[in-house]
Protein backbone atom coordinates (compact mmCIF):
# COMPACT_ATOMS: atom_id res chain seq x y z
CA UNK A 1 0.00 0.00 0.00
CA UNK A 2 1.35 3.43 -0.98
CA UNK A 3 0.52 6.41 1.20
CA UNK A 4 0.62 9.88 -0.31
CA UNK A 5 -0.43 13.10 1.32
CA UNK A 6 -2.73 15.77 -0.14
CA UNK A 7 0.19 17.92 -1.33
CA UNK A 8 1.73 15.04 -3.28
CA UNK A 9 -1.67 14.14 -4.69
CA UNK A 10 -2.20 17.73 -5.90
CA UNK A 11 1.28 17.75 -7.47
CA UNK A 12 0.72 14.52 -9.39
CA UNK A 13 -2.76 15.64 -10.43
CA UNK A 14 -1.25 18.87 -11.81
CA UNK A 15 1.36 16.85 -13.70
CA UNK A 16 -1.36 14.92 -15.50
CA UNK A 17 -2.98 18.08 -16.88
CA UNK A 18 -1.62 19.59 -20.07
CA UNK A 19 -0.46 23.13 -19.38
CA UNK A 20 -1.39 25.87 -21.83
CA UNK A 21 1.31 28.47 -22.43
CA UNK A 22 0.92 31.74 -24.34
CA UNK A 23 4.09 33.00 -26.05
CA UNK A 24 4.08 36.53 -27.47
CA UNK A 25 7.02 36.84 -29.86
CA UNK A 26 8.56 40.29 -30.25
CA UNK A 27 11.85 41.30 -31.88
CA UNK A 28 14.50 39.35 -29.93
CA UNK A 29 12.32 38.64 -26.88
CA UNK A 30 9.44 36.36 -25.98
CA UNK A 31 6.85 36.97 -23.25
CA UNK A 32 5.46 33.75 -21.74
CA UNK A 33 2.23 33.54 -19.75
CA UNK A 34 0.94 30.40 -18.00
CA UNK A 35 -1.23 30.02 -14.90
CA UNK A 36 -1.12 33.78 -14.19
CA UNK A 37 2.71 33.61 -14.25
CA UNK A 38 4.43 35.93 -16.77
CA UNK A 39 8.10 35.67 -17.75
CA UNK A 40 10.10 37.70 -20.30
CA UNK A 41 13.02 35.90 -21.96
CA UNK A 42 15.67 37.46 -24.17
CA UNK A 43 18.01 35.24 -26.21
CA UNK A 44 21.76 35.02 -25.72
CA UNK A 45 22.11 35.57 -29.49
CA UNK A 46 19.50 37.54 -31.48
CA UNK A 47 16.97 35.49 -33.46
CA UNK A 48 15.39 38.40 -35.38
CA UNK A 49 16.95 39.61 -38.61
CA UNK A 50 16.15 42.76 -40.61
CA UNK A 51 13.63 40.82 -42.73
CA UNK A 52 12.30 38.05 -40.49
CA UNK A 53 10.94 37.80 -36.94
CA UNK A 54 12.60 34.36 -36.64
CA UNK A 55 15.65 34.71 -38.86
CA UNK A 56 17.93 32.30 -36.98
CA UNK A 57 16.34 29.09 -35.76
CA UNK A 58 18.46 27.78 -32.86
CA UNK A 59 18.56 30.99 -30.77
CA UNK A 60 14.75 31.12 -31.04
CA UNK A 61 14.46 27.47 -29.93
CA UNK A 62 16.79 28.04 -26.96
CA UNK A 63 14.81 31.12 -25.94
CA UNK A 64 11.54 29.16 -26.21
CA UNK A 65 12.97 26.26 -24.13
CA UNK A 66 14.15 28.65 -21.43
CA UNK A 67 10.75 30.37 -21.26
CA UNK A 68 8.82 27.09 -21.05
CA UNK A 69 11.06 25.99 -18.19
CA UNK A 70 10.70 29.30 -16.33
CA UNK A 71 6.86 29.22 -16.38
CA UNK A 72 6.93 25.64 -15.09
CA UNK A 73 5.72 23.93 -18.26
CA UNK A 74 8.53 21.39 -18.34
CA UNK A 75 9.44 18.78 -15.76
CA UNK A 76 10.01 15.08 -15.18
CA UNK A 77 6.38 14.14 -14.56
CA UNK A 78 4.76 16.87 -16.66
CA UNK A 79 3.05 16.39 -20.00
CA UNK A 80 4.20 18.40 -22.99
CA UNK A 81 2.47 21.79 -22.90
CA UNK A 82 0.13 23.27 -25.47
CA UNK A 83 1.87 26.34 -26.87
CA UNK A 84 -0.06 29.28 -28.32
CA UNK A 85 2.30 31.54 -30.29
CA UNK A 86 1.30 35.14 -30.97
CA UNK A 87 3.76 37.01 -33.22
CA UNK A 88 3.67 40.67 -32.15
CA UNK A 89 6.09 42.22 -34.65
CA UNK A 90 6.81 42.10 -38.36
CA UNK A 91 3.35 40.73 -39.25
CA UNK A 92 2.29 43.41 -41.73
CA UNK A 93 -0.03 41.74 -44.22
CA UNK A 94 -0.09 38.52 -42.17
CA UNK A 95 2.56 35.77 -42.09
CA UNK A 96 3.79 33.80 -45.07
CA UNK A 97 3.37 30.04 -45.05
CA UNK A 98 7.11 29.66 -44.46
CA UNK A 99 7.10 32.05 -41.46
CA UNK A 100 4.13 30.23 -39.89
CA UNK A 101 5.82 26.86 -40.43
CA UNK A 102 9.01 28.20 -38.82
CA UNK A 103 7.09 29.31 -35.71
CA UNK A 104 5.43 25.88 -35.47
CA UNK A 105 8.81 24.15 -35.76
CA UNK A 106 10.36 26.39 -33.10
CA UNK A 107 7.54 25.44 -30.71
CA UNK A 108 7.88 21.71 -31.36
CA UNK A 109 11.68 21.81 -31.14
CA UNK A 110 11.37 23.55 -27.76
CA UNK A 111 9.33 20.63 -26.40
CA UNK A 112 5.68 21.63 -26.84
CA UNK A 113 3.16 18.87 -27.56
CA UNK A 114 0.73 20.95 -29.57
CA UNK A 115 1.56 24.30 -31.16
CA UNK A 116 -0.83 26.89 -32.61
CA UNK A 117 0.13 30.17 -34.29
CA UNK A 118 -2.32 33.07 -33.92
CA UNK A 119 -1.93 36.30 -35.89
Foldseek 3Di string as FASTA:
>chain_A
DDDDDPVVVVVLVQQVDAWEWEWEQEFQKIWIDTPNDIDIFGFPDGQDDPQASRNDQPSLLVRLLVRCVVVPNDDDSHDAHEYEYEYDPPQVVHDDPVNQVSVQVSSVSSGHPHYHYDD
